């Protein structure tokens, strides 16, 4: 079972940047396709970005060109660099396998203030 711990969220102004991290417990991490997801208040959780084991990436249209997903397999860590943040990026951000497992971590809150 993979345990995932997200960190790096916070309060940032419009146009600012944050880098999220996700530490995975699994030694097989490097073989997993991984994703970042987010859930805004009152909305369903949505997929933000994915990265395969061989580093192929995909992004939701709403974040394309602003967010970058990456991974460090030696550290079992997934990252999400978020630039040019907008108020609509405000959400709790989660990492998980892609497709996602049923269990989720605690997430990390990102709040973009205008």
Protein backbone atom coordinates (compact mmCIF):
# COMPACT_ATOMS: atom_id res chain seq x y z
CA UNK A 1 0.00 0.00 0.00
CA UNK A 2 1.34 3.40 -0.99
CA UNK A 3 1.31 6.19 1.57
CA UNK A 4 1.40 9.73 0.21
CA UNK A 5 2.13 12.95 2.10
CA UNK A 6 1.57 16.27 0.39
CA UNK A 7 3.22 19.52 1.45
CA UNK A 8 4.12 22.96 0.18
CA UNK A 9 0.76 24.67 0.05
CA UNK A 10 0.05 28.09 1.44
CA UNK A 11 -1.38 31.54 0.86
CA UNK A 12 -0.11 33.38 -2.20
CA UNK A 13 -1.16 36.45 -4.14
CA UNK A 14 -2.44 36.36 -7.69
CA UNK A 15 0.45 35.83 -10.07
CA UNK A 16 2.59 34.17 -7.45
CA UNK A 17 4.17 30.73 -7.38
CA UNK A 18 4.22 27.68 -5.17
CA UNK A 19 5.89 24.30 -5.42
CA UNK A 20 4.08 21.32 -3.99
CA UNK A 21 5.75 18.09 -2.95
CA UNK A 22 4.40 14.60 -2.45
CA UNK A 23 6.48 12.05 -0.58
CA UNK A 24 5.62 8.45 -1.41
CA UNK A 25 6.41 5.49 0.78
CA UNK A 26 6.54 2.90 -1.98
CA UNK A 27 9.82 1.55 -3.24
CA UNK A 28 8.11 0.86 -6.56
CA UNK A 29 7.27 4.57 -6.96
CA UNK A 30 9.37 4.97 -10.07
CA UNK A 31 7.12 2.52 -11.94
CA UNK A 32 3.87 4.26 -11.05
CA UNK A 33 2.03 6.75 -13.20
CA UNK A 34 1.25 9.60 -10.82
CA UNK A 35 -1.09 12.55 -10.76
CA UNK A 36 -1.89 15.77 -8.95
CA UNK A 37 -5.53 16.40 -8.22
CA UNK A 38 -7.38 19.27 -6.60
CA UNK A 39 -10.70 19.89 -4.94
CA UNK A 40 -12.16 23.35 -4.54
CA UNK A 41 -14.89 24.05 -1.98
CA UNK A 42 -18.21 22.68 -3.15
CA UNK A 43 -16.73 21.07 -6.22
CA UNK A 44 -15.67 17.61 -7.24
CA UNK A 45 -12.05 16.56 -7.18
CA UNK A 46 -10.42 17.09 -10.56
CA UNK A 47 -7.27 15.86 -12.22
CA UNK A 48 -4.68 18.58 -12.70
CA UNK A 49 -1.64 16.85 -14.17
CA UNK A 50 -0.15 13.41 -14.70
CA UNK A 51 3.31 12.00 -15.21
CA UNK A 52 4.20 8.50 -16.30
CA UNK A 53 7.10 6.40 -15.15
CA UNK A 54 9.00 7.42 -18.27
CA UNK A 55 8.29 11.13 -17.61
CA UNK A 56 5.55 11.77 -20.14
CA UNK A 57 3.28 14.55 -18.86
CA UNK A 58 -0.25 15.78 -19.44
CA UNK A 59 -2.13 18.76 -18.05
CA UNK A 60 -5.66 19.96 -17.63
CA UNK A 61 -6.40 22.83 -20.00
CA UNK A 62 -6.94 25.17 -17.07
CA UNK A 63 -3.32 24.84 -15.89
CA UNK A 64 -1.47 24.18 -19.14
CA UNK A 65 1.50 26.51 -19.53
CA UNK A 66 1.41 27.52 -15.85
CA UNK A 67 1.93 24.27 -13.92
CA UNK A 68 4.73 21.73 -14.28
CA UNK A 69 4.61 18.23 -12.87
CA UNK A 70 7.88 16.42 -12.22
CA UNK A 71 9.26 13.58 -10.18
CA UNK A 72 12.48 12.51 -8.48
CA UNK A 73 12.43 8.73 -8.41
CA UNK A 74 15.57 8.55 -6.27
CA UNK A 75 13.68 10.46 -3.56
CA UNK A 76 10.26 8.85 -4.17
CA UNK A 77 8.89 12.37 -4.55
CA UNK A 78 6.41 14.00 -6.89
CA UNK A 79 6.35 17.75 -7.48
CA UNK A 80 4.00 20.37 -8.87
CA UNK A 81 5.45 23.75 -9.74
CA UNK A 82 2.64 26.27 -9.98
CA UNK A 83 3.26 29.67 -11.56
CA UNK A 84 1.01 32.58 -12.47
CA UNK A 85 -1.50 31.45 -9.88
CA UNK A 86 -5.12 32.57 -10.17
CA UNK A 87 -7.92 32.72 -7.60
CA UNK A 88 -9.58 29.77 -9.32
CA UNK A 89 -6.54 27.65 -8.45
CA UNK A 90 -7.59 27.83 -4.81
CA UNK A 91 -8.19 24.25 -3.65
CA UNK A 92 -6.84 21.39 -1.62
CA UNK A 93 -4.23 19.63 -3.72
CA UNK A 94 -3.66 15.89 -3.54
CA UNK A 95 -1.28 13.46 -5.14
CA UNK A 96 -2.21 9.91 -6.00
CA UNK A 97 -1.48 7.24 -8.51
CA UNK A 98 -3.07 7.64 -11.91
CA UNK A 99 -5.67 6.26 -12.14
CA UNK A 100 -6.21 7.09 -8.50
CA UNK A 101 -6.35 4.66 -5.62
CA UNK A 102 -9.43 4.79 -3.37
CA UNK A 103 -7.49 6.19 -0.41
CA UNK A 104 -6.23 9.76 -0.31
CA UNK A 105 -3.75 11.69 1.80
CA UNK A 106 -4.60 14.81 3.77
CA UNK A 107 -3.76 17.10 0.87
CA UNK A 108 -2.24 20.55 1.05
CA UNK A 109 -4.25 23.77 0.93
CA UNK A 110 -3.46 26.34 -1.74
CA UNK A 111 -5.15 29.71 -1.41
CA UNK A 112 -4.68 32.40 -4.04
CA UNK A 113 -5.79 35.82 -2.90
CA UNK A 114 -6.70 38.72 -5.12
